[in-house]
Amino acid sequence: MIPAPIVDLLQTGVSVNVGTRDADLMPECTRGWGIWVEADHTAVTLLLTESASAQTLDNLRNNGLIAITCSRPTDHVTCQLKGTVTQIRPATPQDYVRQEAWRRAFLGELIAVGVPAEQTDAIIMRPAVAIEMQVTGIFAQTPGPGAGEQV
């Protein structure tokens, strides 16, 4: 189960970094553009920009292993979710509704730390691919005591 404090964090416009690896253990990182916890609190769905995530998607199709680091820009509260991908699919209209809610919260975070709103206009989030992930591990990654500990 994803605990309530992590569910709450993921609803606050966190920055999303997605890590994968290929068969030769070569790491790959891309940005996620939206994340939400599924109703059963054991899985998350995130969106990747299709045009910027080719290697990540290849890695996920080949081994299904994924690590997501989510950090709130205003206070650096951070967690890492590890797990396995259960589905890769085109984003749906409902996914885009959820992405828009995340985008508004994320832009609020960026503006709060001094990023001019007009700079965010260049962010390309579509077309997107939805990644459904079963969470198998959660780690605290907020800088300071306890960083790296399993939640």
C-alpha atoms as a PDB file:
ATOM      1  CA  MET A   1       0.000   0.000   0.000  1.00  0.00           C
ATOM      2  CA  ILE A   2       1.118   3.500  -0.763  1.00  0.00           C
ATOM      3  CA  PRO A   3       0.828   5.338   2.566  1.00  0.00           C
ATOM      4  CA  ALA A   4      -1.335   8.457   2.872  1.00  0.00           C
ATOM      5  CA  PRO A   5       1.595  10.919   3.207  1.00  0.00           C
ATOM      6  CA  ILE A   6       3.010   9.673  -0.118  1.00  0.00           C
ATOM      7  CA  VAL A   7      -0.416   9.811  -1.777  1.00  0.00           C
ATOM      8  CA  ASP A   8      -0.748  13.392  -0.520  1.00  0.00           C
ATOM      9  CA  LEU A   9       2.734  14.307  -1.796  1.00  0.00           C
ATOM     10  CA  LEU A  10       2.022  12.933  -5.262  1.00  0.00           C
ATOM     11  CA  GLN A  11      -1.048  15.178  -5.504  1.00  0.00           C
ATOM     12  CA  THR A  12       0.925  18.395  -4.943  1.00  0.00           C
ATOM     13  CA  GLY A  13       2.516  19.059  -8.327  1.00  0.00           C
ATOM     14  CA  VAL A  14       5.716  17.122  -7.793  1.00  0.00           C
ATOM     15  CA  SER A  15       8.541  17.048 -10.296  1.00  0.00           C
ATOM     16  CA  VAL A  16       8.666  13.526 -11.786  1.00  0.00           C
ATOM     17  CA  ASN A  17      11.885  11.844 -12.958  1.00  0.00           C
ATOM     18  CA  VAL A  18      11.669   8.360 -14.436  1.00  0.00           C
ATOM     19  CA  GLY A  19      14.601   5.954 -14.353  1.00  0.00           C
ATOM     20  CA  THR A  20      14.937   2.727 -16.329  1.00  0.00           C
ATOM     21  CA  ARG A  21      17.748   0.538 -17.620  1.00  0.00           C
ATOM     22  CA  ASP A  22      18.404  -1.611 -20.646  1.00  0.00           C
ATOM     23  CA  ALA A  23      19.564  -5.240 -20.862  1.00  0.00           C
ATOM     24  CA  ASP A  24      23.203  -4.114 -20.482  1.00  0.00           C
ATOM     25  CA  LEU A  25      22.310  -2.184 -17.297  1.00  0.00           C
ATOM     26  CA  MET A  26      22.764   1.169 -19.072  1.00  0.00           C
ATOM     27  CA  PRO A  27      20.597   3.693 -17.220  1.00  0.00           C
ATOM     28  CA  GLU A  28      18.119   6.030 -18.890  1.00  0.00           C
ATOM     29  CA  CYS A  29      16.223   8.961 -17.414  1.00  0.00           C
ATOM     30  CA  THR A  30      13.322  11.015 -18.694  1.00  0.00           C
ATOM     31  CA  ARG A  31      10.737  13.356 -17.247  1.00  0.00           C
ATOM     32  CA  GLY A  32       7.233  12.354 -16.317  1.00  0.00           C
ATOM     33  CA  TRP A  33       4.442  14.822 -17.066  1.00  0.00           C
ATOM     34  CA  GLY A  34       1.735  13.813 -14.639  1.00  0.00           C
ATOM     35  CA  ILE A  35       1.341  11.166 -11.957  1.00  0.00           C
ATOM     36  CA  TRP A  36      -1.528   9.883  -9.840  1.00  0.00           C
ATOM     37  CA  VAL A  37      -2.185   7.068  -7.399  1.00  0.00           C
ATOM     38  CA  GLU A  38      -4.743   4.454  -8.419  1.00  0.00           C
ATOM     39  CA  ALA A  39      -7.782   3.797  -6.197  1.00  0.00           C
ATOM     40  CA  ASP A  40      -6.330   0.624  -4.653  1.00  0.00           C
ATOM     41  CA  HIS A  41      -3.238   2.550  -3.427  1.00  0.00           C
ATOM     42  CA  THR A  42      -0.878  -0.145  -4.758  1.00  0.00           C
ATOM     43  CA  ALA A  43      -0.220   1.367  -8.179  1.00  0.00           C
ATOM     44  CA  VAL A  44       0.429   4.661  -9.934  1.00  0.00           C
ATOM     45  CA  THR A  45      -0.066   5.888 -13.463  1.00  0.00           C
ATOM     46  CA  LEU A  46       2.273   8.423 -15.000  1.00  0.00           C
ATOM     47  CA  LEU A  47       2.464  10.073 -18.382  1.00  0.00           C
ATOM     48  CA  LEU A  48       5.559  10.322 -20.563  1.00  0.00           C
ATOM     49  CA  THR A  49       5.894  12.535 -23.605  1.00  0.00           C
ATOM     50  CA  GLU A  50       6.025  10.064 -26.469  1.00  0.00           C
ATOM     51  CA  SER A  51       8.531  12.051 -28.558  1.00  0.00           C
ATOM     52  CA  ALA A  52      11.083  12.358 -25.732  1.00  0.00           C
ATOM     53  CA  SER A  53      10.833   8.882 -24.212  1.00  0.00           C
ATOM     54  CA  ALA A  54      11.770   6.368 -26.928  1.00  0.00           C
ATOM     55  CA  GLN A  55      14.638   4.710 -25.035  1.00  0.00           C
ATOM     56  CA  THR A  56      12.698   4.666 -21.767  1.00  0.00           C
ATOM     57  CA  LEU A  57       9.735   3.025 -23.485  1.00  0.00           C
ATOM     58  CA  ASP A  58      12.026   0.432 -25.115  1.00  0.00           C
ATOM     59  CA  ASN A  59      13.522  -0.362 -21.712  1.00  0.00           C
ATOM     60  CA  LEU A  60      10.090  -0.707 -20.124  1.00  0.00           C
ATOM     61  CA  ARG A  61       8.862  -2.992 -22.894  1.00  0.00           C
ATOM     62  CA  ASN A  62      11.977  -5.158 -22.523  1.00  0.00           C
ATOM     63  CA  ASN A  63      12.172  -5.555 -18.742  1.00  0.00           C
ATOM     64  CA  GLY A  64       9.344  -3.606 -17.070  1.00  0.00           C
ATOM     65  CA  LEU A  65      11.568  -2.241 -14.297  1.00  0.00           C
ATOM     66  CA  ILE A  66      11.046   1.378 -13.282  1.00  0.00           C
ATOM     67  CA  ALA A  67      12.038   3.837 -10.564  1.00  0.00           C
ATOM     68  CA  ILE A  68      10.295   7.181 -10.219  1.00  0.00           C
ATOM     69  CA  THR A  69      11.627  10.043  -8.123  1.00  0.00           C
ATOM     70  CA  CYS A  70       9.040  12.653  -7.164  1.00  0.00           C
ATOM     71  CA  SER A  71      10.087  15.903  -5.511  1.00  0.00           C
ATOM     72  CA  ARG A  72       8.065  18.949  -4.515  1.00  0.00           C
ATOM     73  CA  PRO A  73      10.048  22.019  -5.662  1.00  0.00           C
ATOM     74  CA  THR A  74       8.973  24.354  -2.847  1.00  0.00           C
ATOM     75  CA  ASP A  75      10.360  22.255   0.014  1.00  0.00           C
ATOM     76  CA  HIS A  76      12.230  19.346  -1.627  1.00  0.00           C
ATOM     77  CA  VAL A  77      10.081  16.696   0.050  1.00  0.00           C
ATOM     78  CA  THR A  78      10.996  13.723  -2.110  1.00  0.00           C
ATOM     79  CA  CYS A  79      10.185  10.049  -2.485  1.00  0.00           C
ATOM     80  CA  GLN A  80      11.237   7.279  -4.819  1.00  0.00           C
ATOM     81  CA  LEU A  81       8.824   4.631  -6.045  1.00  0.00           C
ATOM     82  CA  LYS A  82      10.176   1.393  -7.477  1.00  0.00           C
ATOM     83  CA  GLY A  83       8.143  -1.196  -9.271  1.00  0.00           C
ATOM     84  CA  THR A  84       7.152  -3.022 -12.397  1.00  0.00           C
ATOM     85  CA  VAL A  85       5.170  -1.786 -15.342  1.00  0.00           C
ATOM     86  CA  THR A  86       1.843  -3.535 -15.816  1.00  0.00           C
ATOM     87  CA  GLN A  87       0.692  -1.642 -18.892  1.00  0.00           C
ATOM     88  CA  ILE A  88       1.950   0.796 -21.524  1.00  0.00           C
ATOM     89  CA  ARG A  89      -0.828   2.439 -23.524  1.00  0.00           C
ATOM     90  CA  PRO A  90      -1.761   5.635 -25.337  1.00  0.00           C
ATOM     91  CA  ALA A  91      -3.027   8.342 -23.011  1.00  0.00           C
ATOM     92  CA  THR A  92      -6.812   8.675 -22.895  1.00  0.00           C
ATOM     93  CA  PRO A  93      -8.935  11.824 -22.616  1.00  0.00           C
ATOM     94  CA  GLN A  94      -9.381  11.050 -18.887  1.00  0.00           C
ATOM     95  CA  ASP A  95      -5.585  10.781 -18.516  1.00  0.00           C
ATOM     96  CA  TYR A  96      -5.265  14.237 -20.060  1.00  0.00           C
ATOM     97  CA  VAL A  97      -7.796  15.623 -17.568  1.00  0.00           C
ATOM     98  CA  ARG A  98      -5.663  14.243 -14.733  1.00  0.00           C
ATOM     99  CA  GLN A  99      -2.509  15.529 -16.412  1.00  0.00           C
ATOM    100  CA  GLU A 100      -3.997  19.029 -16.563  1.00  0.00           C
ATOM    101  CA  ALA A 101      -4.729  18.971 -12.816  1.00  0.00           C
ATOM    102  CA  TRP A 102      -1.134  17.855 -12.170  1.00  0.00           C
ATOM    103  CA  ARG A 103       0.202  20.516 -14.594  1.00  0.00           C
ATOM    104  CA  ARG A 104      -1.615  23.323 -12.778  1.00  0.00           C
ATOM    105  CA  ALA A 105      -0.223  22.156  -9.427  1.00  0.00           C
ATOM    106  CA  PHE A 106       3.293  21.694 -10.881  1.00  0.00           C
ATOM    107  CA  LEU A 107       3.274  25.150 -12.487  1.00  0.00           C
ATOM    108  CA  GLY A 108       2.196  26.613  -9.146  1.00  0.00           C
ATOM    109  CA  GLU A 109       5.218  24.953  -7.555  1.00  0.00           C
ATOM    110  CA  LEU A 110       7.556  26.279 -10.259  1.00  0.00           C
ATOM    111  CA  ILE A 111       6.199  29.814  -9.995  1.00  0.00           C
ATOM    112  CA  ALA A 112       6.554  29.665  -6.194  1.00  0.00           C
ATOM    113  CA  VAL A 113      10.293  28.976  -6.560  1.00  0.00           C
ATOM    114  CA  GLY A 114      10.791  31.780  -9.070  1.00  0.00           C
ATOM    115  CA  VAL A 115      10.354  30.202 -12.499  1.00  0.00           C
ATOM    116  CA  PRO A 116       8.587  32.740 -14.733  1.00  0.00           C
ATOM    117  CA  ALA A 117       5.220  31.412 -15.891  1.00  0.00           C
ATOM    118  CA  GLU A 118       6.019  32.158 -19.540  1.00  0.00           C
ATOM    119  CA  GLN A 119       9.006  29.777 -19.426  1.00  0.00           C
ATOM    120  CA  THR A 120       6.668  26.885 -18.759  1.00  0.00           C
ATOM    121  CA  ASP A 121       4.904  27.438 -22.086  1.00  0.00           C
ATOM    122  CA  ALA A 122       7.691  25.511 -23.829  1.00  0.00           C
ATOM    123  CA  ILE A 123       6.954  22.294 -21.936  1.00  0.00           C
ATOM    124  CA  ILE A 124       5.723  19.640 -24.362  1.00  0.00           C
ATOM    125  CA  MET A 125       3.531  17.051 -22.647  1.00  0.00           C
ATOM    126  CA  ARG A 126       1.552  15.603 -25.575  1.00  0.00           C
ATOM    127  CA  PRO A 127       1.070  13.236 -27.198  1.00  0.00           C
ATOM    128  CA  ALA A 128       1.640  11.156 -24.116  1.00  0.00           C
ATOM    129  CA  VAL A 129       1.980   7.501 -23.257  1.00  0.00           C
ATOM    130  CA  ALA A 130       0.452   6.215 -20.011  1.00  0.00           C
ATOM    131  CA  ILE A 131       2.577   3.924 -17.870  1.00  0.00           C
ATOM    132  CA  GLU A 132       0.758   1.889 -15.244  1.00  0.00           C
ATOM    133  CA  MET A 133       3.100   0.727 -12.506  1.00  0.00           C
ATOM    134  CA  GLN A 134       2.680  -1.691  -9.608  1.00  0.00           C
ATOM    135  CA  VAL A 135       4.638  -0.186  -6.713  1.00  0.00           C
ATOM    136  CA  THR A 136       6.952  -2.675  -4.982  1.00  0.00           C
ATOM    137  CA  GLY A 137       9.079  -0.283  -2.925  1.00  0.00           C
ATOM    138  CA  ILE A 138       8.875   3.256  -1.566  1.00  0.00           C
ATOM    139  CA  PHE A 139      11.857   5.180  -0.238  1.00  0.00           C
ATOM    140  CA  ALA A 140      12.168   8.524   1.537  1.00  0.00           C
ATOM    141  CA  GLN A 141      14.526  10.746  -0.459  1.00  0.00           C
ATOM    142  CA  THR A 142      14.027  14.124   1.187  1.00  0.00           C
ATOM    143  CA  PRO A 143      17.508  15.522   1.882  1.00  0.00           C
ATOM    144  CA  GLY A 144      18.529  15.025   5.489  1.00  0.00           C
ATOM    145  CA  PRO A 145      18.158  12.326   8.137  1.00  0.00           C
ATOM    146  CA  GLY A 146      16.209   9.330   6.905  1.00  0.00           C
ATOM    147  CA  ALA A 147      16.992   9.814   3.226  1.00  0.00           C
ATOM    148  CA  GLY A 148      17.164   6.422   1.544  1.00  0.00           C
ATOM    149  CA  GLU A 149      15.103   4.626   4.166  1.00  0.00           C
ATOM    150  CA  GLN A 150      12.245   2.432   3.040  1.00  0.00           C
ATOM    151  CA  VAL A 151       8.810   3.883   3.795  1.00  0.00           C
END
